[in-house]
Amino acid sequence: MSRAPEASSASRIGRAFAARGGTTGLIPYLTAGYPSPEGTLESLRAVERAGALAVEVGVPFSDPIADGPDIQRASEWALRQGVGIEQVLDVVARFRRESSLPVVIMTYANPVERIGSRAFAERAHAAGVDAVIVSDLPPEELPETWRALDDAGLDTVLLVAPTTSAERLPALLARCRGFVYCLSRTGVTGRSEGFAGALDERLAAVRAHTRLPVAVGFGISSAADAAALRGRVDAAVVGAAFMRLVQQDPERGVADRVGAFAAELVAALR
């Protein structure tokens, strides 16, 4: 049986997964520019101090297809402040000057194509981005975009859903670099409804085709949710729950709340 590529130990993502010592790591998601670019930078520092394995930074987008209301509101807030790809990459570049924490950019095809896939890839690499999720771009479409990401040395992380068929799975995994992002259920982010179907069976199916680390996201809103994944996956991705913490008071104490919750999740995953 052919397998998708293994994680490269030369990449920051590969080194981070290799160094976790068998524990399940945390990958927080933060919408860039919410509550402000400076606030995002402070939250990045906070999740690193809390022991995150990596961080996923979302590019604000006006028409998301997978984001629930919490992340949609965060994107709308950031867009009203004029935060786009350039501002997102500036925040990452500032963070990279002081940190080696792996950074994954989550975006959609439209913002990438608007500035040009090669320009985006080169700027992302220069800013210190390690991997990119283009969540609505299948591996068969826009081959020039995938080539540009490869040429820039960026890992490409694809989403595997509960509805992904056995026939479709190898093609997705063959395009994955860094790690695989396995969705715990269908629908949008932020709904805490448990994990859909036989999650362990789906994880086994993924691992039959790749040696890449596997992260699970969607519907992880508490330490108890995270603890349910401990030892079953390589990392847990948590997003909407962090955005709800920002919503409590965007003007005060954001990084403190984000950091405290990240530390709680890290402890639950170990």
C-alpha atoms as a PDB file:
ATOM      1  CA  MET A   1       0.000   0.000   0.000  1.00  0.00           C
ATOM      2  CA  SER A   2       1.367   3.430  -0.955  1.00  0.00           C
ATOM      3  CA  ARG A   3       1.547   6.013   1.791  1.00  0.00           C
ATOM      4  CA  ALA A   4       1.476   9.783   1.863  1.00  0.00           C
ATOM      5  CA  PRO A   5       4.696  11.544   2.867  1.00  0.00           C
ATOM      6  CA  GLU A   6       5.923  11.485   6.417  1.00  0.00           C
ATOM      7  CA  ALA A   7       6.409  14.659   8.425  1.00  0.00           C
ATOM      8  CA  SER A   8       9.771  16.197   7.629  1.00  0.00           C
ATOM      9  CA  SER A   9      11.974  16.513  10.686  1.00  0.00           C
ATOM     10  CA  ALA A  10      13.554  19.533   8.993  1.00  0.00           C
ATOM     11  CA  SER A  11      10.384  21.617   9.338  1.00  0.00           C
ATOM     12  CA  ARG A  12       9.303  23.397  12.501  1.00  0.00           C
ATOM     13  CA  ILE A  13       6.055  21.411  12.434  1.00  0.00           C
ATOM     14  CA  GLY A  14       7.881  18.122  12.059  1.00  0.00           C
ATOM     15  CA  ARG A  15      10.235  18.956  14.917  1.00  0.00           C
ATOM     16  CA  ALA A  16       7.362  20.055  17.163  1.00  0.00           C
ATOM     17  CA  PHE A  17       5.433  16.822  16.672  1.00  0.00           C
ATOM     18  CA  ALA A  18       8.585  14.743  17.082  1.00  0.00           C
ATOM     19  CA  ALA A  19       9.428  16.488  20.370  1.00  0.00           C
ATOM     20  CA  ARG A  20       6.039  16.058  22.056  1.00  0.00           C
ATOM     21  CA  GLY A  21       7.048  12.730  23.640  1.00  0.00           C
ATOM     22  CA  GLY A  22       3.877  10.851  22.777  1.00  0.00           C
ATOM     23  CA  THR A  23       1.527  13.368  24.368  1.00  0.00           C
ATOM     24  CA  THR A  24      -1.397  14.964  22.550  1.00  0.00           C
ATOM     25  CA  GLY A  25      -0.526  18.546  21.679  1.00  0.00           C
ATOM     26  CA  LEU A  26      -2.715  21.634  21.499  1.00  0.00           C
ATOM     27  CA  ILE A  27      -3.137  23.776  18.386  1.00  0.00           C
ATOM     28  CA  PRO A  28      -5.173  26.888  19.263  1.00  0.00           C
ATOM     29  CA  TYR A  29      -6.907  28.817  16.483  1.00  0.00           C
ATOM     30  CA  LEU A  30      -6.904  32.626  16.598  1.00  0.00           C
ATOM     31  CA  THR A  31      -8.600  34.910  14.080  1.00  0.00           C
ATOM     32  CA  ALA A  32      -5.976  37.509  13.176  1.00  0.00           C
ATOM     33  CA  GLY A  33      -7.038  41.049  14.013  1.00  0.00           C
ATOM     34  CA  TYR A  34      -9.523  40.075  16.695  1.00  0.00           C
ATOM     35  CA  PRO A  35      -9.661  42.129  18.805  1.00  0.00           C
ATOM     36  CA  SER A  36      -6.712  43.867  17.053  1.00  0.00           C
ATOM     37  CA  PRO A  37      -3.445  42.892  15.377  1.00  0.00           C
ATOM     38  CA  GLU A  38      -1.608  43.818  18.578  1.00  0.00           C
ATOM     39  CA  GLY A  39      -4.089  41.762  20.583  1.00  0.00           C
ATOM     40  CA  THR A  40      -3.493  38.792  18.308  1.00  0.00           C
ATOM     41  CA  LEU A  41       0.241  39.092  18.870  1.00  0.00           C
ATOM     42  CA  GLU A  42      -0.296  39.116  22.637  1.00  0.00           C
ATOM     43  CA  SER A  43      -2.509  36.021  22.391  1.00  0.00           C
ATOM     44  CA  LEU A  44       0.114  34.241  20.287  1.00  0.00           C
ATOM     45  CA  ARG A  45       2.628  34.881  23.039  1.00  0.00           C
ATOM     46  CA  ALA A  46       0.127  33.663  25.631  1.00  0.00           C
ATOM     47  CA  VAL A  47      -0.597  30.319  23.965  1.00  0.00           C
ATOM     48  CA  GLU A  48       3.105  29.698  23.488  1.00  0.00           C
ATOM     49  CA  ARG A  49       3.731  30.315  27.183  1.00  0.00           C
ATOM     50  CA  ALA A  50       0.872  27.902  27.937  1.00  0.00           C
ATOM     51  CA  GLY A  51       2.645  25.106  26.062  1.00  0.00           C
ATOM     52  CA  ALA A  52       0.849  24.966  22.699  1.00  0.00           C
ATOM     53  CA  LEU A  53       2.353  22.631  20.098  1.00  0.00           C
ATOM     54  CA  ALA A  54       1.604  25.058  17.256  1.00  0.00           C
ATOM     55  CA  VAL A  55      -0.892  27.797  16.490  1.00  0.00           C
ATOM     56  CA  GLU A  56      -3.388  28.252  13.669  1.00  0.00           C
ATOM     57  CA  VAL A  57      -3.945  31.850  12.570  1.00  0.00           C
ATOM     58  CA  GLY A  58      -7.089  32.593  10.585  1.00  0.00           C
ATOM     59  CA  VAL A  59      -7.217  35.134   7.762  1.00  0.00           C
ATOM     60  CA  PRO A  60     -10.469  37.126   8.155  1.00  0.00           C
ATOM     61  CA  PHE A  61     -12.834  36.365   5.283  1.00  0.00           C
ATOM     62  CA  SER A  62     -16.289  37.695   4.480  1.00  0.00           C
ATOM     63  CA  ASP A  63     -17.823  34.457   3.171  1.00  0.00           C
ATOM     64  CA  PRO A  64     -16.532  31.487   5.200  1.00  0.00           C
ATOM     65  CA  ILE A  65     -18.119  28.097   4.587  1.00  0.00           C
ATOM     66  CA  ALA A  66     -16.939  26.140   7.610  1.00  0.00           C
ATOM     67  CA  ASP A  67     -16.771  28.764  10.347  1.00  0.00           C
ATOM     68  CA  GLY A  68     -19.538  28.999  12.921  1.00  0.00           C
ATOM     69  CA  PRO A  69     -20.939  32.223  14.393  1.00  0.00           C
ATOM     70  CA  ASP A  70     -18.114  32.851  16.861  1.00  0.00           C
ATOM     71  CA  ILE A  71     -15.387  32.840  14.226  1.00  0.00           C
ATOM     72  CA  GLN A  72     -17.647  34.650  11.740  1.00  0.00           C
ATOM     73  CA  ARG A  73     -18.105  37.477  14.249  1.00  0.00           C
ATOM     74  CA  ALA A  74     -14.355  37.567  14.843  1.00  0.00           C
ATOM     75  CA  SER A  75     -13.717  37.834  11.093  1.00  0.00           C
ATOM     76  CA  GLU A  76     -16.320  40.577  10.667  1.00  0.00           C
ATOM     77  CA  TRP A  77     -14.721  42.568  13.491  1.00  0.00           C
ATOM     78  CA  ALA A  78     -11.248  42.215  11.966  1.00  0.00           C
ATOM     79  CA  LEU A  79     -12.448  43.061   8.461  1.00  0.00           C
ATOM     80  CA  ARG A  80     -14.060  46.263   9.725  1.00  0.00           C
ATOM     81  CA  GLN A  81     -10.585  47.256  10.922  1.00  0.00           C
ATOM     82  CA  GLY A  82      -9.125  46.567   7.497  1.00  0.00           C
ATOM     83  CA  VAL A  83      -7.263  43.400   8.475  1.00  0.00           C
ATOM     84  CA  GLY A  84      -6.383  41.260   5.460  1.00  0.00           C
ATOM     85  CA  ILE A  85      -3.574  38.973   4.391  1.00  0.00           C
ATOM     86  CA  GLU A  86      -0.901  41.674   4.554  1.00  0.00           C
ATOM     87  CA  GLN A  87      -1.772  42.550   8.152  1.00  0.00           C
ATOM     88  CA  VAL A  88      -1.991  38.860   9.108  1.00  0.00           C
ATOM     89  CA  LEU A  89       1.467  38.170   7.727  1.00  0.00           C
ATOM     90  CA  ASP A  90       2.825  41.239   9.498  1.00  0.00           C
ATOM     91  CA  VAL A  91       1.589  39.861  12.833  1.00  0.00           C
ATOM     92  CA  VAL A  92       3.174  36.476  12.060  1.00  0.00           C
ATOM     93  CA  ALA A  93       6.458  38.126  11.081  1.00  0.00           C
ATOM     94  CA  ARG A  94       6.538  40.077  14.349  1.00  0.00           C
ATOM     95  CA  PHE A  95       5.826  36.902  16.307  1.00  0.00           C
ATOM     96  CA  ARG A  96       8.437  34.933  14.362  1.00  0.00           C
ATOM     97  CA  ARG A  97      11.176  37.369  15.342  1.00  0.00           C
ATOM     98  CA  GLU A  98      10.804  36.195  18.944  1.00  0.00           C
ATOM     99  CA  SER A  99       9.427  32.657  18.645  1.00  0.00           C
ATOM    100  CA  SER A 100       9.970  29.302  16.952  1.00  0.00           C
ATOM    101  CA  LEU A 101       6.398  28.087  17.584  1.00  0.00           C
ATOM    102  CA  PRO A 102       5.021  26.599  14.333  1.00  0.00           C
ATOM    103  CA  VAL A 103       2.421  28.836  12.671  1.00  0.00           C
ATOM    104  CA  VAL A 104      -0.302  27.513  10.374  1.00  0.00           C
ATOM    105  CA  ILE A 105      -2.279  30.017   8.294  1.00  0.00           C
ATOM    106  CA  MET A 106      -5.922  29.117   7.684  1.00  0.00           C
ATOM    107  CA  THR A 107      -7.523  30.832   4.706  1.00  0.00           C
ATOM    108  CA  TYR A 108      -9.795  30.376   1.724  1.00  0.00           C
ATOM    109  CA  ALA A 109      -8.889  30.329  -1.960  1.00  0.00           C
ATOM    110  CA  ASN A 110     -10.383  33.732  -2.740  1.00  0.00           C
ATOM    111  CA  PRO A 111      -8.013  35.857  -0.601  1.00  0.00           C
ATOM    112  CA  VAL A 112      -5.024  33.893  -1.897  1.00  0.00           C
ATOM    113  CA  GLU A 113      -5.986  34.257  -5.544  1.00  0.00           C
ATOM    114  CA  ARG A 114      -6.779  37.943  -5.072  1.00  0.00           C
ATOM    115  CA  ILE A 115      -3.121  38.763  -4.423  1.00  0.00           C
ATOM    116  CA  GLY A 116      -1.789  35.875  -6.507  1.00  0.00           C
ATOM    117  CA  SER A 117      -0.841  32.451  -5.232  1.00  0.00           C
ATOM    118  CA  ARG A 118       2.881  32.862  -5.830  1.00  0.00           C
ATOM    119  CA  ALA A 119       2.999  36.271  -4.165  1.00  0.00           C
ATOM    120  CA  PHE A 120       1.032  34.906  -1.220  1.00  0.00           C
ATOM    121  CA  ALA A 121       3.288  31.863  -0.855  1.00  0.00           C
ATOM    122  CA  GLU A 122       6.492  33.890  -1.031  1.00  0.00           C
ATOM    123  CA  ARG A 123       5.238  36.490   1.458  1.00  0.00           C
ATOM    124  CA  ALA A 124       3.996  33.794   3.824  1.00  0.00           C
ATOM    125  CA  HIS A 125       7.355  32.041   3.750  1.00  0.00           C
ATOM    126  CA  ALA A 126       9.190  35.316   4.314  1.00  0.00           C
ATOM    127  CA  ALA A 127       6.955  36.071   7.314  1.00  0.00           C
ATOM    128  CA  GLY A 128       7.795  32.740   8.932  1.00  0.00           C
ATOM    129  CA  VAL A 129       4.619  30.797   8.193  1.00  0.00           C
ATOM    130  CA  ASP A 130       5.153  27.032   8.324  1.00  0.00           C
ATOM    131  CA  ALA A 131       1.967  25.631   6.821  1.00  0.00           C
ATOM    132  CA  VAL A 132      -1.182  26.726   5.025  1.00  0.00           C
ATOM    133  CA  ILE A 133      -4.744  25.438   5.093  1.00  0.00           C
ATOM    134  CA  VAL A 134      -6.747  26.555   2.053  1.00  0.00           C
ATOM    135  CA  SER A 135      -9.941  25.082   3.393  1.00  0.00           C
ATOM    136  CA  ASP A 136     -12.110  25.273   0.260  1.00  0.00           C
ATOM    137  CA  LEU A 137      -9.480  24.248  -2.297  1.00  0.00           C
ATOM    138  CA  PRO A 138      -9.527  20.587  -3.434  1.00  0.00           C
ATOM    139  CA  PRO A 139      -6.146  19.136  -4.423  1.00  0.00           C
ATOM    140  CA  GLU A 140      -7.223  18.793  -8.078  1.00  0.00           C
ATOM    141  CA  GLU A 141      -8.062  22.489  -8.497  1.00  0.00           C
ATOM    142  CA  LEU A 142      -5.764  25.481  -9.086  1.00  0.00           C
ATOM    143  CA  PRO A 143      -2.599  23.385  -9.501  1.00  0.00           C
ATOM    144  CA  GLU A 144      -0.556  26.591  -9.777  1.00  0.00           C
ATOM    145  CA  THR A 145      -1.536  27.437  -6.193  1.00  0.00           C
ATOM    146  CA  TRP A 146      -0.375  24.086  -4.863  1.00  0.00           C
ATOM    147  CA  ARG A 147       2.870  24.429  -6.851  1.00  0.00           C
ATOM    148  CA  ALA A 148       3.465  27.893  -5.440  1.00  0.00           C
ATOM    149  CA  LEU A 149       2.992  26.638  -1.869  1.00  0.00           C
ATOM    150  CA  ASP A 150       5.343  23.713  -2.527  1.00  0.00           C
ATOM    151  CA  ASP A 151       7.955  25.937  -4.152  1.00  0.00           C
ATOM    152  CA  ALA A 152       7.908  28.248  -1.136  1.00  0.00           C
ATOM    153  CA  GLY A 153       8.564  25.321   1.207  1.00  0.00           C
ATOM    154  CA  LEU A 154       5.204  25.606   2.956  1.00  0.00           C
ATOM    155  CA  ASP A 155       3.443  22.548   4.315  1.00  0.00           C
ATOM    156  CA  THR A 156      -0.092  22.081   3.008  1.00  0.00           C
ATOM    157  CA  VAL A 157      -2.659  20.759   5.484  1.00  0.00           C
ATOM    158  CA  LEU A 158      -5.929  19.377   4.145  1.00  0.00           C
ATOM    159  CA  LEU A 159      -9.187  18.678   5.953  1.00  0.00           C
ATOM    160  CA  VAL A 160     -10.555  15.142   6.204  1.00  0.00           C
ATOM    161  CA  ALA A 161     -14.257  15.059   7.105  1.00  0.00           C
ATOM    162  CA  PRO A 162     -16.517  12.276   8.404  1.00  0.00           C
ATOM    163  CA  THR A 163     -18.110  12.309   4.951  1.00  0.00           C
ATOM    164  CA  THR A 164     -14.791  11.758   3.132  1.00  0.00           C
ATOM    165  CA  SER A 165     -15.132   8.485   1.256  1.00  0.00           C
ATOM    166  CA  ALA A 166     -12.595   5.666   1.337  1.00  0.00           C
ATOM    167  CA  GLU A 167     -11.983   6.299  -2.363  1.00  0.00           C
ATOM    168  CA  ARG A 168     -11.348  10.001  -1.833  1.00  0.00           C
ATOM    169  CA  LEU A 169      -9.114   9.701   1.220  1.00  0.00           C
ATOM    170  CA  PRO A 170      -5.813   8.708  -0.485  1.00  0.00           C
ATOM    171  CA  ALA A 171      -5.929  11.730  -2.808  1.00  0.00           C
ATOM    172  CA  LEU A 172      -6.375  14.126   0.102  1.00  0.00           C
ATOM    173  CA  LEU A 173      -3.634  12.529   2.165  1.00  0.00           C
ATOM    174  CA  ALA A 174      -1.217  12.497  -0.756  1.00  0.00           C
ATOM    175  CA  ARG A 175      -1.510  16.299  -0.845  1.00  0.00           C
ATOM    176  CA  CYS A 176      -1.026  16.698   2.931  1.00  0.00           C
ATOM    177  CA  ARG A 177       2.254  17.915   4.366  1.00  0.00           C
ATOM    178  CA  GLY A 178       3.076  18.553   8.024  1.00  0.00           C
ATOM    179  CA  PHE A 179      -0.010  16.943   9.531  1.00  0.00           C
ATOM    180  CA  VAL A 180      -3.542  15.854   8.678  1.00  0.00           C
ATOM    181  CA  TYR A 181      -6.515  17.835  10.001  1.00  0.00           C
ATOM    182  CA  CYS A 182      -9.321  15.381  10.725  1.00  0.00           C
ATOM    183  CA  LEU A 183     -12.728  16.940  11.476  1.00  0.00           C
ATOM    184  CA  SER A 184     -14.534  15.343  14.392  1.00  0.00           C
ATOM    185  CA  ARG A 185     -17.936  15.945  12.795  1.00  0.00           C
ATOM    186  CA  THR A 186     -19.691  17.670   9.922  1.00  0.00           C
ATOM    187  CA  GLY A 187     -21.111  21.191  10.091  1.00  0.00           C
ATOM    188  CA  VAL A 188     -19.430  24.385  11.204  1.00  0.00           C
ATOM    189  CA  THR A 189     -17.047  25.264  14.000  1.00  0.00           C
ATOM    190  CA  GLY A 190     -18.188  26.081  17.490  1.00  0.00           C
ATOM    191  CA  ARG A 191     -20.956  23.547  18.016  1.00  0.00           C
ATOM    192  CA  SER A 192     -20.203  21.281  20.955  1.00  0.00           C
ATOM    193  CA  GLU A 193     -22.058  18.136  19.984  1.00  0.00           C
ATOM    194  CA  GLY A 194     -19.476  15.463  20.552  1.00  0.00           C
ATOM    195  CA  PHE A 195     -17.683  13.506  17.875  1.00  0.00           C
ATOM    196  CA  ALA A 196     -19.604  12.153  14.902  1.00  0.00           C
ATOM    197  CA  GLY A 197     -19.669   8.432  14.268  1.00  0.00           C
ATOM    198  CA  ALA A 198     -16.804   6.091  15.029  1.00  0.00           C
ATOM    199  CA  LEU A 199     -13.929   8.551  15.340  1.00  0.00           C
ATOM    200  CA  ASP A 200     -11.374   5.852  16.135  1.00  0.00           C
ATOM    201  CA  GLU A 201     -12.313   3.963  12.976  1.00  0.00           C
ATOM    202  CA  ARG A 202     -11.844   7.096  10.887  1.00  0.00           C
ATOM    203  CA  LEU A 203      -8.507   7.776  12.512  1.00  0.00           C
ATOM    204  CA  ALA A 204      -7.418   4.224  11.750  1.00  0.00           C
ATOM    205  CA  ALA A 205      -8.442   4.696   8.110  1.00  0.00           C
ATOM    206  CA  VAL A 206      -6.371   7.873   7.889  1.00  0.00           C
ATOM    207  CA  ARG A 207      -3.346   6.251   9.512  1.00  0.00           C
ATOM    208  CA  ALA A 208      -3.542   3.331   7.092  1.00  0.00           C
ATOM    209  CA  HIS A 209      -2.572   5.763   4.316  1.00  0.00           C
ATOM    210  CA  THR A 210      -0.126   8.150   5.995  1.00  0.00           C
ATOM    211  CA  ARG A 211       2.501   8.384   8.695  1.00  0.00           C
ATOM    212  CA  LEU A 212       1.841  12.094   9.136  1.00  0.00           C
ATOM    213  CA  PRO A 213       0.627  13.234  12.574  1.00  0.00           C
ATOM    214  CA  VAL A 214      -3.146  13.531  12.860  1.00  0.00           C
ATOM    215  CA  ALA A 215      -4.891  16.475  14.514  1.00  0.00           C
ATOM    216  CA  VAL A 216      -8.617  16.542  15.315  1.00  0.00           C
ATOM    217  CA  GLY A 217     -10.728  19.673  15.471  1.00  0.00           C
ATOM    218  CA  PHE A 218     -14.347  20.955  15.567  1.00  0.00           C
ATOM    219  CA  GLY A 219     -16.494  20.754  18.677  1.00  0.00           C
ATOM    220  CA  ILE A 220     -13.696  20.884  21.264  1.00  0.00           C
ATOM    221  CA  SER A 221     -14.890  23.527  23.694  1.00  0.00           C
ATOM    222  CA  SER A 222     -13.699  22.434  27.130  1.00  0.00           C
ATOM    223  CA  ALA A 223     -10.986  20.597  29.002  1.00  0.00           C
ATOM    224  CA  ALA A 224     -13.309  17.592  29.178  1.00  0.00           C
ATOM    225  CA  ASP A 225     -13.677  17.571  25.386  1.00  0.00           C
ATOM    226  CA  ALA A 226      -9.895  17.767  25.044  1.00  0.00           C
ATOM    227  CA  ALA A 227      -9.321  15.007  27.586  1.00  0.00           C
ATOM    228  CA  ALA A 228     -11.529  12.699  25.499  1.00  0.00           C
ATOM    229  CA  LEU A 229      -8.894  12.941  22.741  1.00  0.00           C
ATOM    230  CA  ARG A 230      -5.879  12.379  24.980  1.00  0.00           C
ATOM    231  CA  GLY A 231      -3.703   9.601  23.582  1.00  0.00           C
ATOM    232  CA  ARG A 232      -5.999   9.063  20.592  1.00  0.00           C
ATOM    233  CA  VAL A 233      -4.627  11.791  18.339  1.00  0.00           C
ATOM    234  CA  ASP A 234      -1.403  13.712  17.936  1.00  0.00           C
ATOM    235  CA  ALA A 235      -2.992  17.122  18.454  1.00  0.00           C
ATOM    236  CA  ALA A 236      -6.314  18.804  19.173  1.00  0.00           C
ATOM    237  CA  VAL A 237      -7.330  21.989  17.333  1.00  0.00           C
ATOM    238  CA  VAL A 238      -9.492  24.402  19.349  1.00  0.00           C
ATOM    239  CA  GLY A 239     -10.827  27.616  17.824  1.00  0.00           C
ATOM    240  CA  ALA A 240     -14.329  28.880  18.535  1.00  0.00           C
ATOM    241  CA  ALA A 241     -13.905  28.470  22.294  1.00  0.00           C
ATOM    242  CA  PHE A 242     -10.968  30.892  22.191  1.00  0.00           C
ATOM    243  CA  MET A 243     -12.974  33.398  20.147  1.00  0.00           C
ATOM    244  CA  ARG A 244     -15.767  33.249  22.731  1.00  0.00           C
ATOM    245  CA  LEU A 245     -13.215  34.220  25.380  1.00  0.00           C
ATOM    246  CA  VAL A 246     -12.281  37.288  23.337  1.00  0.00           C
ATOM    247  CA  GLN A 247     -15.979  38.191  22.969  1.00  0.00           C
ATOM    248  CA  GLN A 248     -16.385  38.359  26.746  1.00  0.00           C
ATOM    249  CA  ASP A 249     -14.476  41.653  26.759  1.00  0.00           C
ATOM    250  CA  PRO A 250     -12.454  42.523  23.630  1.00  0.00           C
ATOM    251  CA  GLU A 251     -10.962  45.561  25.358  1.00  0.00           C
ATOM    252  CA  ARG A 252      -9.454  44.015  28.494  1.00  0.00           C
ATOM    253  CA  GLY A 253      -7.689  40.857  29.646  1.00  0.00           C
ATOM    254  CA  VAL A 254      -7.889  38.979  26.338  1.00  0.00           C
ATOM    255  CA  ALA A 255      -4.402  37.458  26.386  1.00  0.00           C
ATOM    256  CA  ASP A 256      -4.770  36.462  30.034  1.00  0.00           C
ATOM    257  CA  ARG A 257      -8.023  34.585  29.351  1.00  0.00           C
ATOM    258  CA  VAL A 258      -6.666  32.984  26.198  1.00  0.00           C
ATOM    259  CA  GLY A 259      -3.475  31.901  27.930  1.00  0.00           C
ATOM    260  CA  ALA A 260      -5.276  30.486  30.966  1.00  0.00           C
ATOM    261  CA  PHE A 261      -7.640  28.433  28.799  1.00  0.00           C
ATOM    262  CA  ALA A 262      -4.762  27.188  26.637  1.00  0.00           C
ATOM    263  CA  ALA A 263      -2.928  26.042  29.773  1.00  0.00           C
ATOM    264  CA  GLU A 264      -6.058  24.233  30.945  1.00  0.00           C
ATOM    265  CA  LEU A 265      -6.371  22.420  27.630  1.00  0.00           C
ATOM    266  CA  VAL A 266      -2.679  21.525  27.534  1.00  0.00           C
ATOM    267  CA  ALA A 267      -2.988  19.971  30.995  1.00  0.00           C
ATOM    268  CA  ALA A 268      -6.101  18.014  29.965  1.00  0.00           C
ATOM    269  CA  LEU A 269      -4.341  16.615  26.898  1.00  0.00           C
ATOM    270  CA  ARG A 270      -1.280  15.328  28.795  1.00  0.00           C
END
